Amino acid sequence: MIDADPELITKPDLDRLSVEKMSLQSGSSDLDVGVLNAEQREKLRQFKIQTRIDNEKYLMAHPEVEVMVEDFLRDVLLKRPTHIRAFAADHFTDPNLHTVIKAKMETINTDP
């Protein structure tokens, strides 16, 4: 396991990473990581590794996330809605969603 050193990533590094993340989310893929020096590239690499570790820990602690995503994707692929955003909003605001996911989690936990 890799422990992230709090001194390894500075506030300016986090600000830059935040800008890069926003750029990626907006569809911009023309980021030039080559402008980073060796220390900055290493900080970025460590940040990415720690983020993956933290994400994996979270998902392992919350298996219901996988069940909810699988349930949603199954419905999307079966029903093939024209308006996916409205479909997603309806799916995740369904008052019965908690009951459905709980039942699926119980099935998973009782399977040999």
PDB file of N, CA and C in Angstrom:
ATOM      1  N   MET A   1       0.844  -1.185   0.000  1.00  0.00           N
ATOM      2  CA  MET A   1       0.000   0.000   0.000  1.00  0.00           C
ATOM      3  C   MET A   1       0.882   1.237   0.000  1.00  0.00           C
ATOM      4  N   ILE A   2       0.450   2.237  -0.717  1.00  0.00           N
ATOM      5  CA  ILE A   2       1.205   3.469  -0.811  1.00  0.00           C
ATOM      6  C   ILE A   2       0.539   4.510   0.061  1.00  0.00           C
ATOM      7  N   ASP A   3       1.325   5.117   0.954  1.00  0.00           N
ATOM      8  CA  ASP A   3       0.804   6.193   1.779  1.00  0.00           C
ATOM      9  C   ASP A   3       1.176   7.514   1.138  1.00  0.00           C
ATOM     10  N   ALA A   4       0.201   8.363   0.947  1.00  0.00           N
ATOM     11  CA  ALA A   4       0.471   9.665   0.356  1.00  0.00           C
ATOM     12  C   ALA A   4       1.040  10.583   1.416  1.00  0.00           C
ATOM     13  N   ASP A   5       2.155  11.171   1.139  1.00  0.00           N
ATOM     14  CA  ASP A   5       2.780  12.142   2.017  1.00  0.00           C
ATOM     15  C   ASP A   5       2.072  13.469   1.810  1.00  0.00           C
ATOM     16  N   PRO A   6       1.487  14.047   2.886  1.00  0.00           N
ATOM     17  CA  PRO A   6       0.772  15.310   2.722  1.00  0.00           C
ATOM     18  C   PRO A   6       1.652  16.412   2.143  1.00  0.00           C
ATOM     19  N   GLU A   7       2.956  16.321   2.354  1.00  0.00           N
ATOM     20  CA  GLU A   7       3.871  17.317   1.811  1.00  0.00           C
ATOM     21  C   GLU A   7       4.122  17.103   0.324  1.00  0.00           C
ATOM     22  N   LEU A   8       3.762  15.918  -0.180  1.00  0.00           N
ATOM     23  CA  LEU A   8       4.068  15.575  -1.559  1.00  0.00           C
ATOM     24  C   LEU A   8       3.269  16.403  -2.549  1.00  0.00           C
ATOM     25  N   ILE A   9       2.025  16.701  -2.215  1.00  0.00           N
ATOM     26  CA  ILE A   9       1.180  17.478  -3.118  1.00  0.00           C
ATOM     27  C   ILE A   9       0.849  18.803  -2.446  1.00  0.00           C
ATOM     28  N   THR A  10       1.239  19.866  -3.073  1.00  0.00           N
ATOM     29  CA  THR A  10       1.036  21.194  -2.516  1.00  0.00           C
ATOM     30  C   THR A  10      -0.280  21.778  -2.999  1.00  0.00           C
ATOM     31  N   LYS A  11      -0.702  22.866  -2.403  1.00  0.00           N
ATOM     32  CA  LYS A  11      -1.942  23.546  -2.789  1.00  0.00           C
ATOM     33  C   LYS A  11      -1.917  23.942  -4.266  1.00  0.00           C
ATOM     34  N   PRO A  12      -0.816  24.529  -4.769  1.00  0.00           N
ATOM     35  CA  PRO A  12      -0.806  24.844  -6.210  1.00  0.00           C
ATOM     36  C   PRO A  12      -0.943  23.601  -7.081  1.00  0.00           C
ATOM     37  N   ASP A  13      -0.356  22.476  -6.619  1.00  0.00           N
ATOM     38  CA  ASP A  13      -0.488  21.235  -7.386  1.00  0.00           C
ATOM     39  C   ASP A  13      -1.949  20.802  -7.427  1.00  0.00           C
ATOM     40  N   LEU A  14      -2.629  20.875  -6.283  1.00  0.00           N
ATOM     41  CA  LEU A  14      -4.034  20.485  -6.231  1.00  0.00           C
ATOM     42  C   LEU A  14      -4.891  21.410  -7.085  1.00  0.00           C
ATOM     43  N   ASP A  15      -4.575  22.697  -7.048  1.00  0.00           N
ATOM     44  CA  ASP A  15      -5.316  23.640  -7.883  1.00  0.00           C
ATOM     45  C   ASP A  15      -5.152  23.294  -9.359  1.00  0.00           C
ATOM     46  N   ARG A  16      -3.924  22.976  -9.753  1.00  0.00           N
ATOM     47  CA  ARG A  16      -3.663  22.634 -11.150  1.00  0.00           C
ATOM     48  C   ARG A  16      -4.377  21.332 -11.507  1.00  0.00           C
ATOM     49  N   LEU A  17      -4.332  20.351 -10.594  1.00  0.00           N
ATOM     50  CA  LEU A  17      -5.012  19.089 -10.847  1.00  0.00           C
ATOM     51  C   LEU A  17      -6.515  19.306 -10.969  1.00  0.00           C
ATOM     52  N   SER A  18      -7.047  20.212 -10.164  1.00  0.00           N
ATOM     53  CA  SER A  18      -8.469  20.520 -10.233  1.00  0.00           C
ATOM     54  C   SER A  18      -8.822  21.123 -11.591  1.00  0.00           C
ATOM     55  N   VAL A  19      -7.976  22.018 -12.080  1.00  0.00           N
ATOM     56  CA  VAL A  19      -8.202  22.618 -13.396  1.00  0.00           C
ATOM     57  C   VAL A  19      -8.111  21.541 -14.462  1.00  0.00           C
ATOM     58  N   GLU A  20      -7.127  20.647 -14.339  1.00  0.00           N
ATOM     59  CA  GLU A  20      -6.989  19.562 -15.311  1.00  0.00           C
ATOM     60  C   GLU A  20      -8.211  18.662 -15.280  1.00  0.00           C
ATOM     61  N   LYS A  21      -8.716  18.367 -14.083  1.00  0.00           N
ATOM     62  CA  LYS A  21      -9.896  17.514 -13.962  1.00  0.00           C
ATOM     63  C   LYS A  21     -11.099  18.182 -14.624  1.00  0.00           C
ATOM     64  N   MET A  22     -11.270  19.477 -14.379  1.00  0.00           N
ATOM     65  CA  MET A  22     -12.383  20.186 -14.998  1.00  0.00           C
ATOM     66  C   MET A  22     -12.232  20.187 -16.510  1.00  0.00           C
ATOM     67  N   SER A  23     -11.014  20.329 -16.997  1.00  0.00           N
ATOM     68  CA  SER A  23     -10.785  20.318 -18.437  1.00  0.00           C
ATOM     69  C   SER A  23     -11.134  18.965 -19.021  1.00  0.00           C
ATOM     70  N   LEU A  24     -10.757  17.908 -18.325  1.00  0.00           N
ATOM     71  CA  LEU A  24     -11.073  16.565 -18.802  1.00  0.00           C
ATOM     72  C   LEU A  24     -12.578  16.331 -18.801  1.00  0.00           C
ATOM     73  N   GLN A  25     -13.246  16.805 -17.755  1.00  0.00           N
ATOM     74  CA  GLN A  25     -14.691  16.623 -17.672  1.00  0.00           C
ATOM     75  C   GLN A  25     -15.415  17.409 -18.755  1.00  0.00           C
ATOM     76  N   SER A  26     -14.818  18.496 -19.183  1.00  0.00           N
ATOM     77  CA  SER A  26     -15.467  19.297 -20.213  1.00  0.00           C
ATOM     78  C   SER A  26     -15.134  18.809 -21.612  1.00  0.00           C
ATOM     79  N   GLY A  27     -14.354  17.735 -21.686  1.00  0.00           N
ATOM     80  CA  GLY A  27     -14.049  17.148 -22.983  1.00  0.00           C
ATOM     81  C   GLY A  27     -12.728  17.574 -23.565  1.00  0.00           C
ATOM     82  N   SER A  28     -11.978  18.380 -22.858  1.00  0.00           N
ATOM     83  CA  SER A  28     -10.682  18.829 -23.363  1.00  0.00           C
ATOM     84  C   SER A  28      -9.649  17.751 -23.100  1.00  0.00           C
ATOM     85  N   SER A  29      -9.075  17.234 -24.161  1.00  0.00           N
ATOM     86  CA  SER A  29      -8.065  16.186 -23.985  1.00  0.00           C
ATOM     87  C   SER A  29      -6.697  16.660 -24.450  1.00  0.00           C
ATOM     88  N   ASP A  30      -6.536  17.963 -24.591  1.00  0.00           N
ATOM     89  CA  ASP A  30      -5.278  18.478 -25.101  1.00  0.00           C
ATOM     90  C   ASP A  30      -4.349  18.982 -23.998  1.00  0.00           C
ATOM     91  N   LEU A  31      -4.445  18.389 -22.800  1.00  0.00           N
ATOM     92  CA  LEU A  31      -3.565  18.774 -21.707  1.00  0.00           C
ATOM     93  C   LEU A  31      -2.156  18.287 -21.995  1.00  0.00           C
ATOM     94  N   ASP A  32      -1.192  19.133 -21.736  1.00  0.00           N
ATOM     95  CA  ASP A  32       0.203  18.797 -22.012  1.00  0.00           C
ATOM     96  C   ASP A  32       0.910  18.515 -20.695  1.00  0.00           C
ATOM     97  N   VAL A  33       0.905  17.251 -20.277  1.00  0.00           N
ATOM     98  CA  VAL A  33       1.566  16.851 -19.033  1.00  0.00           C
ATOM     99  C   VAL A  33       3.071  17.004 -19.178  1.00  0.00           C
ATOM    100  N   GLY A  34       3.565  17.101 -20.414  1.00  0.00           N
ATOM    101  CA  GLY A  34       4.988  17.262 -20.658  1.00  0.00           C
ATOM    102  C   GLY A  34       5.544  18.574 -20.130  1.00  0.00           C
ATOM    103  N   VAL A  35       4.687  19.545 -19.839  1.00  0.00           N
ATOM    104  CA  VAL A  35       5.174  20.811 -19.300  1.00  0.00           C
ATOM    105  C   VAL A  35       5.505  20.698 -17.820  1.00  0.00           C
ATOM    106  N   LEU A  36       5.125  19.578 -17.199  1.00  0.00           N
ATOM    107  CA  LEU A  36       5.443  19.368 -15.795  1.00  0.00           C
ATOM    108  C   LEU A  36       6.893  18.921 -15.662  1.00  0.00           C
ATOM    109  N   ASN A  37       7.547  19.380 -14.595  1.00  0.00           N
ATOM    110  CA  ASN A  37       8.901  18.899 -14.352  1.00  0.00           C
ATOM    111  C   ASN A  37       8.829  17.531 -13.688  1.00  0.00           C
ATOM    112  N   ALA A  38       9.960  16.901 -13.474  1.00  0.00           N
ATOM    113  CA  ALA A  38       9.999  15.535 -12.942  1.00  0.00           C
ATOM    114  C   ALA A  38       9.319  15.439 -11.580  1.00  0.00           C
ATOM    115  N   GLU A  39       9.551  16.409 -10.719  1.00  0.00           N
ATOM    116  CA  GLU A  39       8.940  16.383  -9.383  1.00  0.00           C
ATOM    117  C   GLU A  39       7.425  16.491  -9.479  1.00  0.00           C
ATOM    118  N   GLN A  40       6.947  17.366 -10.358  1.00  0.00           N
ATOM    119  CA  GLN A  40       5.505  17.536 -10.529  1.00  0.00           C
ATOM    120  C   GLN A  40       4.868  16.284 -11.118  1.00  0.00           C
ATOM    121  N   ARG A  41       5.552  15.648 -12.076  1.00  0.00           N
ATOM    122  CA  ARG A  41       5.027  14.402 -12.654  1.00  0.00           C
ATOM    123  C   ARG A  41       4.943  13.315 -11.585  1.00  0.00           C
ATOM    124  N   GLU A  42       5.944  13.248 -10.710  1.00  0.00           N
ATOM    125  CA  GLU A  42       5.925  12.256  -9.634  1.00  0.00           C
ATOM    126  C   GLU A  42       4.794  12.546  -8.655  1.00  0.00           C
ATOM    127  N   LYS A  43       4.584  13.816  -8.330  1.00  0.00           N
ATOM    128  CA  LYS A  43       3.469  14.183  -7.451  1.00  0.00           C
ATOM    129  C   LYS A  43       2.135  13.801  -8.080  1.00  0.00           C
ATOM    130  N   LEU A  44       2.013  14.043  -9.373  1.00  0.00           N
ATOM    131  CA  LEU A  44       0.787  13.686 -10.080  1.00  0.00           C
ATOM    132  C   LEU A  44       0.591  12.176 -10.077  1.00  0.00           C
ATOM    133  N   ARG A  45       1.668  11.438 -10.319  1.00  0.00           N
ATOM    134  CA  ARG A  45       1.597   9.972 -10.315  1.00  0.00           C
ATOM    135  C   ARG A  45       1.161   9.465  -8.941  1.00  0.00           C
ATOM    136  N   GLN A  46       1.763  10.007  -7.879  1.00  0.00           N
ATOM    137  CA  GLN A  46       1.404   9.602  -6.515  1.00  0.00           C
ATOM    138  C   GLN A  46      -0.047   9.955  -6.203  1.00  0.00           C
ATOM    139  N   PHE A  47      -0.478  11.128  -6.665  1.00  0.00           N
ATOM    140  CA  PHE A  47      -1.859  11.554  -6.453  1.00  0.00           C
ATOM    141  C   PHE A  47      -2.826  10.587  -7.136  1.00  0.00           C
ATOM    142  N   LYS A  48      -2.525  10.206  -8.363  1.00  0.00           N
ATOM    143  CA  LYS A  48      -3.378   9.271  -9.101  1.00  0.00           C
ATOM    144  C   LYS A  48      -3.435   7.920  -8.405  1.00  0.00           C
ATOM    145  N   ILE A  49      -2.285   7.449  -7.936  1.00  0.00           N
ATOM    146  CA  ILE A  49      -2.234   6.154  -7.245  1.00  0.00           C
ATOM    147  C   ILE A  49      -3.069   6.213  -5.978  1.00  0.00           C
ATOM    148  N   GLN A  50      -2.890   7.264  -5.176  1.00  0.00           N
ATOM    149  CA  GLN A  50      -3.634   7.370  -3.923  1.00  0.00           C
ATOM    150  C   GLN A  50      -5.130   7.509  -4.186  1.00  0.00           C
ATOM    151  N   THR A  51      -5.491   8.223  -5.234  1.00  0.00           N
ATOM    152  CA  THR A  51      -6.905   8.366  -5.578  1.00  0.00           C
ATOM    153  C   THR A  51      -7.506   7.014  -5.940  1.00  0.00           C
ATOM    154  N   ARG A  52      -6.770   6.218  -6.711  1.00  0.00           N
ATOM    155  CA  ARG A  52      -7.267   4.878  -7.061  1.00  0.00           C
ATOM    156  C   ARG A  52      -7.421   4.003  -5.820  1.00  0.00           C
ATOM    157  N   ILE A  53      -6.446   4.073  -4.928  1.00  0.00           N
ATOM    158  CA  ILE A  53      -6.513   3.291  -3.687  1.00  0.00           C
ATOM    159  C   ILE A  53      -7.731   3.715  -2.872  1.00  0.00           C
ATOM    160  N   ASP A  54      -7.911   5.019  -2.713  1.00  0.00           N
ATOM    161  CA  ASP A  54      -9.053   5.525  -1.948  1.00  0.00           C
ATOM    162  C   ASP A  54     -10.377   5.118  -2.591  1.00  0.00           C
ATOM    163  N   ASN A  55     -10.451   5.190  -3.913  1.00  0.00           N
ATOM    164  CA  ASN A  55     -11.673   4.785  -4.613  1.00  0.00           C
ATOM    165  C   ASN A  55     -11.964   3.307  -4.420  1.00  0.00           C
ATOM    166  N   GLU A  56     -10.942   2.471  -4.522  1.00  0.00           N
ATOM    167  CA  GLU A  56     -11.119   1.026  -4.325  1.00  0.00           C
ATOM    168  C   GLU A  56     -11.584   0.727  -2.907  1.00  0.00           C
ATOM    169  N   LYS A  57     -10.999   1.392  -1.929  1.00  0.00           N
ATOM    170  CA  LYS A  57     -11.413   1.190  -0.531  1.00  0.00           C
ATOM    171  C   LYS A  57     -12.877   1.560  -0.355  1.00  0.00           C
ATOM    172  N   TYR A  58     -13.265   2.676  -0.942  1.00  0.00           N
ATOM    173  CA  TYR A  58     -14.646   3.127  -0.819  1.00  0.00           C
ATOM    174  C   TYR A  58     -15.602   2.114  -1.447  1.00  0.00           C
ATOM    175  N   LEU A  59     -15.278   1.674  -2.661  1.00  0.00           N
ATOM    176  CA  LEU A  59     -16.156   0.728  -3.346  1.00  0.00           C
ATOM    177  C   LEU A  59     -16.223  -0.612  -2.622  1.00  0.00           C
ATOM    178  N   MET A  60     -15.127  -1.041  -2.025  1.00  0.00           N
ATOM    179  CA  MET A  60     -15.143  -2.289  -1.260  1.00  0.00           C
ATOM    180  C   MET A  60     -15.996  -2.143   0.000  1.00  0.00           C
ATOM    181  N   ALA A  61     -15.989  -0.965   0.590  1.00  0.00           N
ATOM    182  CA  ALA A  61     -16.787  -0.720   1.792  1.00  0.00           C
ATOM    183  C   ALA A  61     -18.263  -0.495   1.468  1.00  0.00           C
ATOM    184  N   HIS A  62     -18.566  -0.203   0.196  1.00  0.00           N
ATOM    185  CA  HIS A  62     -19.945   0.088  -0.219  1.00  0.00           C
ATOM    186  C   HIS A  62     -20.322  -0.734  -1.447  1.00  0.00           C
ATOM    187  N   PRO A  63     -20.526  -2.048  -1.288  1.00  0.00           N
ATOM    188  CA  PRO A  63     -20.862  -2.892  -2.438  1.00  0.00           C
ATOM    189  C   PRO A  63     -22.198  -2.526  -3.077  1.00  0.00           C
ATOM    190  N   GLU A  64     -23.022  -1.778  -2.373  1.00  0.00           N
ATOM    191  CA  GLU A  64     -24.307  -1.380  -2.939  1.00  0.00           C
ATOM    192  C   GLU A  64     -24.129  -0.455  -4.147  1.00  0.00           C
ATOM    193  N   VAL A  65     -22.999   0.225  -4.238  1.00  0.00           N
ATOM    194  CA  VAL A  65     -22.743   1.090  -5.396  1.00  0.00           C
ATOM    195  C   VAL A  65     -22.723   0.248  -6.667  1.00  0.00           C
ATOM    196  N   GLU A  66     -22.016  -0.862  -6.625  1.00  0.00           N
ATOM    197  CA  GLU A  66     -21.951  -1.747  -7.793  1.00  0.00           C
ATOM    198  C   GLU A  66     -23.332  -2.287  -8.137  1.00  0.00           C
ATOM    199  N   VAL A  67     -24.107  -2.646  -7.129  1.00  0.00           N
ATOM    200  CA  VAL A  67     -25.448  -3.178  -7.357  1.00  0.00           C
ATOM    201  C   VAL A  67     -26.340  -2.104  -8.005  1.00  0.00           C
ATOM    202  N   MET A  68     -26.230  -0.867  -7.528  1.00  0.00           N
ATOM    203  CA  MET A  68     -27.048   0.209  -8.098  1.00  0.00           C
ATOM    204  C   MET A  68     -26.661   0.493  -9.546  1.00  0.00           C
ATOM    205  N   VAL A  69     -25.371   0.509  -9.820  1.00  0.00           N
ATOM    206  CA  VAL A  69     -24.919   0.770 -11.193  1.00  0.00           C
ATOM    207  C   VAL A  69     -25.354  -0.369 -12.115  1.00  0.00           C
ATOM    208  N   GLU A  70     -25.169  -1.606 -11.661  1.00  0.00           N
ATOM    209  CA  GLU A  70     -25.592  -2.755 -12.474  1.00  0.00           C
ATOM    210  C   GLU A  70     -27.090  -2.713 -12.736  1.00  0.00           C
ATOM    211  N   ASP A  71     -27.863  -2.381 -11.722  1.00  0.00           N
ATOM    212  CA  ASP A  71     -29.317  -2.314 -11.864  1.00  0.00           C
ATOM    213  C   ASP A  71     -29.703  -1.241 -12.885  1.00  0.00           C
ATOM    214  N   PHE A  72     -29.077  -0.085 -12.787  1.00  0.00           N
ATOM    215  CA  PHE A  72     -29.353   0.993 -13.727  1.00  0.00           C
ATOM    216  C   PHE A  72     -28.971   0.598 -15.153  1.00  0.00           C
ATOM    217  N   LEU A  73     -27.771   0.060 -15.339  1.00  0.00           N
ATOM    218  CA  LEU A  73     -27.331  -0.328 -16.685  1.00  0.00           C
ATOM    219  C   LEU A  73     -28.209  -1.426 -17.276  1.00  0.00           C
ATOM    220  N   ARG A  74     -28.622  -2.367 -16.446  1.00  0.00           N
ATOM    221  CA  ARG A  74     -29.520  -3.421 -16.921  1.00  0.00           C
ATOM    222  C   ARG A  74     -30.816  -2.810 -17.448  1.00  0.00           C
ATOM    223  N   ASP A  75     -31.403  -1.874 -16.677  1.00  0.00           N
ATOM    224  CA  ASP A  75     -32.631  -1.209 -17.114  1.00  0.00           C
ATOM    225  C   ASP A  75     -32.420  -0.411 -18.401  1.00  0.00           C
ATOM    226  N   VAL A  76     -31.301   0.287 -18.496  1.00  0.00           N
ATOM    227  CA  VAL A  76     -31.013   1.077 -19.701  1.00  0.00           C
ATOM    228  C   VAL A  76     -30.920   0.170 -20.917  1.00  0.00           C
ATOM    229  N   LEU A  77     -30.188  -0.928 -20.779  1.00  0.00           N
ATOM    230  CA  LEU A  77     -29.995  -1.815 -21.926  1.00  0.00           C
ATOM    231  C   LEU A  77     -31.264  -2.579 -22.292  1.00  0.00           C
ATOM    232  N   LEU A  78     -32.095  -2.863 -21.311  1.00  0.00           N
ATOM    233  CA  LEU A  78     -33.365  -3.536 -21.608  1.00  0.00           C
ATOM    234  C   LEU A  78     -34.385  -2.584 -22.233  1.00  0.00           C
ATOM    235  N   LYS A  79     -34.472  -1.383 -21.701  1.00  0.00           N
ATOM    236  CA  LYS A  79     -35.514  -0.443 -22.124  1.00  0.00           C
ATOM    237  C   LYS A  79     -35.051   0.526 -23.210  1.00  0.00           C
ATOM    238  N   ARG A  80     -33.762   0.723 -23.331  1.00  0.00           N
ATOM    239  CA  ARG A  80     -33.163   1.613 -24.346  1.00  0.00           C
ATOM    240  C   ARG A  80     -33.931   2.938 -24.473  1.00  0.00           C
ATOM    241  N   PRO A  81     -33.943   3.722 -23.389  1.00  0.00           N
ATOM    242  CA  PRO A  81     -34.717   4.967 -23.401  1.00  0.00           C
ATOM    243  C   PRO A  81     -34.141   5.991 -24.379  1.00  0.00           C
ATOM    244  N   THR A  82     -35.015   6.773 -24.964  1.00  0.00           N
ATOM    245  CA  THR A  82     -34.606   7.830 -25.888  1.00  0.00           C
ATOM    246  C   THR A  82     -33.987   8.999 -25.120  1.00  0.00           C
ATOM    247  N   HIS A  83     -34.576   9.323 -23.991  1.00  0.00           N
ATOM    248  CA  HIS A  83     -34.117  10.447 -23.172  1.00  0.00           C
ATOM    249  C   HIS A  83     -33.430   9.894 -21.920  1.00  0.00           C
ATOM    250  N   ILE A  84     -32.147   9.592 -22.058  1.00  0.00           N
ATOM    251  CA  ILE A  84     -31.401   8.906 -21.003  1.00  0.00           C
ATOM    252  C   ILE A  84     -31.315   9.714 -19.711  1.00  0.00           C
ATOM    253  N   ARG A  85     -31.186  11.022 -19.813  1.00  0.00           N
ATOM    254  CA  ARG A  85     -31.076  11.833 -18.587  1.00  0.00           C
ATOM    255  C   ARG A  85     -32.366  11.788 -17.775  1.00  0.00           C
ATOM    256  N   ALA A  86     -33.481  11.903 -18.433  1.00  0.00           N
ATOM    257  CA  ALA A  86     -34.769  11.822 -17.733  1.00  0.00           C
ATOM    258  C   ALA A  86     -34.966  10.423 -17.163  1.00  0.00           C
ATOM    259  N   PHE A  87     -34.555   9.414 -17.935  1.00  0.00           N
ATOM    260  CA  PHE A  87     -34.656   8.040 -17.472  1.00  0.00           C
ATOM    261  C   PHE A  87     -33.808   7.834 -16.213  1.00  0.00           C
ATOM    262  N   ALA A  88     -32.582   8.349 -16.240  1.00  0.00           N
ATOM    263  CA  ALA A  88     -31.691   8.224 -15.081  1.00  0.00           C
ATOM    264  C   ALA A  88     -32.277   8.950 -13.873  1.00  0.00           C
ATOM    265  N   ALA A  89     -32.798  10.143 -14.097  1.00  0.00           N
ATOM    266  CA  ALA A  89     -33.400  10.893 -12.990  1.00  0.00           C
ATOM    267  C   ALA A  89     -34.562  10.108 -12.381  1.00  0.00           C
ATOM    268  N   ASP A  90     -35.405   9.545 -13.224  1.00  0.00           N
ATOM    269  CA  ASP A  90     -36.532   8.747 -12.725  1.00  0.00           C
ATOM    270  C   ASP A  90     -36.040   7.505 -11.984  1.00  0.00           C
ATOM    271  N   HIS A  91     -35.033   6.861 -12.555  1.00  0.00           N
ATOM    272  CA  HIS A  91     -34.511   5.631 -11.950  1.00  0.00           C
ATOM    273  C   HIS A  91     -33.977   5.892 -10.546  1.00  0.00           C
ATOM    274  N   PHE A  92     -33.131   6.912 -10.422  1.00  0.00           N
ATOM    275  CA  PHE A  92     -32.464   7.143  -9.140  1.00  0.00           C
ATOM    276  C   PHE A  92     -33.310   7.910  -8.136  1.00  0.00           C
ATOM    277  N   THR A  93     -34.471   8.415  -8.553  1.00  0.00           N
ATOM    278  CA  THR A  93     -35.376   9.059  -7.596  1.00  0.00           C
ATOM    279  C   THR A  93     -36.594   8.188  -7.297  1.00  0.00           C
ATOM    280  N   ASP A  94     -36.598   6.989  -7.827  1.00  0.00           N
ATOM    281  CA  ASP A  94     -37.690   6.052  -7.557  1.00  0.00           C
ATOM    282  C   ASP A  94     -37.769   5.788  -6.052  1.00  0.00           C
ATOM    283  N   PRO A  95     -38.919   6.019  -5.440  1.00  0.00           N
ATOM    284  CA  PRO A  95     -39.043   5.808  -3.992  1.00  0.00           C
ATOM    285  C   PRO A  95     -38.807   4.349  -3.576  1.00  0.00           C
ATOM    286  N   ASN A  96     -38.915   3.424  -4.518  1.00  0.00           N
ATOM    287  CA  ASN A  96     -38.703   2.007  -4.205  1.00  0.00           C
ATOM    288  C   ASN A  96     -37.260   1.554  -4.425  1.00  0.00           C
ATOM    289  N   LEU A  97     -36.394   2.453  -4.878  1.00  0.00           N
ATOM    290  CA  LEU A  97     -35.016   2.068  -5.196  1.00  0.00           C
ATOM    291  C   LEU A  97     -34.311   1.442  -3.992  1.00  0.00           C
ATOM    292  N   HIS A  98     -34.479   2.034  -2.828  1.00  0.00           N
ATOM    293  CA  HIS A  98     -33.833   1.501  -1.631  1.00  0.00           C
ATOM    294  C   HIS A  98     -34.258   0.060  -1.371  1.00  0.00           C
ATOM    295  N   THR A  99     -35.540  -0.215  -1.508  1.00  0.00           N
ATOM    296  CA  THR A  99     -36.064  -1.567  -1.282  1.00  0.00           C
ATOM    297  C   THR A  99     -35.512  -2.547  -2.317  1.00  0.00           C
ATOM    298  N   VAL A 100     -35.476  -2.132  -3.568  1.00  0.00           N
ATOM    299  CA  VAL A 100     -34.967  -2.990  -4.642  1.00  0.00           C
ATOM    300  C   VAL A 100     -33.499  -3.323  -4.409  1.00  0.00           C
ATOM    301  N   ILE A 101     -32.693  -2.317  -4.101  1.00  0.00           N
ATOM    302  CA  ILE A 101     -31.257  -2.530  -3.893  1.00  0.00           C
ATOM    303  C   ILE A 101     -31.029  -3.378  -2.642  1.00  0.00           C
ATOM    304  N   LYS A 102     -31.793  -3.120  -1.601  1.00  0.00           N
ATOM    305  CA  LYS A 102     -31.656  -3.911  -0.365  1.00  0.00           C
ATOM    306  C   LYS A 102     -31.950  -5.381  -0.645  1.00  0.00           C
ATOM    307  N   ALA A 103     -32.994  -5.668  -1.401  1.00  0.00           N
ATOM    308  CA  ALA A 103     -33.343  -7.051  -1.736  1.00  0.00           C
ATOM    309  C   ALA A 103     -32.229  -7.707  -2.552  1.00  0.00           C
ATOM    310  N   LYS A 104     -31.662  -6.963  -3.507  1.00  0.00           N
ATOM    311  CA  LYS A 104     -30.574  -7.519  -4.312  1.00  0.00           C
ATOM    312  C   LYS A 104     -29.331  -7.757  -3.460  1.00  0.00           C
ATOM    313  N   MET A 105     -29.067  -6.865  -2.513  1.00  0.00           N
ATOM    314  CA  MET A 105     -27.920  -7.043  -1.625  1.00  0.00           C
ATOM    315  C   MET A 105     -28.106  -8.280  -0.747  1.00  0.00           C
ATOM    316  N   GLU A 106     -29.334  -8.508  -0.286  1.00  0.00           N
ATOM    317  CA  GLU A 106     -29.605  -9.684   0.532  1.00  0.00           C
ATOM    318  C   GLU A 106     -29.422 -10.963  -0.271  1.00  0.00           C
ATOM    319  N   THR A 107     -29.818 -10.925  -1.540  1.00  0.00           N
ATOM    320  CA  THR A 107     -29.619 -12.080  -2.423  1.00  0.00           C
ATOM    321  C   THR A 107     -28.142 -12.375  -2.597  1.00  0.00           C
ATOM    322  N   ILE A 108     -27.371 -11.330  -2.807  1.00  0.00           N
ATOM    323  CA  ILE A 108     -25.920 -11.488  -2.979  1.00  0.00           C
ATOM    324  C   ILE A 108     -25.289 -12.058  -1.712  1.00  0.00           C
ATOM    325  N   ASN A 109     -25.713 -11.555  -0.564  1.00  0.00           N
ATOM    326  CA  ASN A 109     -25.142 -11.988   0.710  1.00  0.00           C
ATOM    327  C   ASN A 109     -25.538 -13.401   1.099  1.00  0.00           C
ATOM    328  N   THR A 110     -26.633 -13.921   0.527  1.00  0.00           N
ATOM    329  CA  THR A 110     -27.061 -15.280   0.883  1.00  0.00           C
ATOM    330  C   THR A 110     -26.637 -16.311  -0.140  1.00  0.00           C
ATOM    331  N   ASP A 111     -26.146 -15.866  -1.311  1.00  0.00           N
ATOM    332  CA  ASP A 111     -25.664 -16.823  -2.324  1.00  0.00           C
ATOM    333  C   ASP A 111     -24.390 -17.487  -1.827  1.00  0.00           C
ATOM    334  N   PRO A 112     -24.296 -18.834  -2.082  1.00  0.00           N
ATOM    335  CA  PRO A 112     -23.088 -19.539  -1.608  1.00  0.00           C
ATOM    336  C   PRO A 112     -21.861 -19.159  -2.387  1.00  0.00           C
TER     337      PRO A 112
END
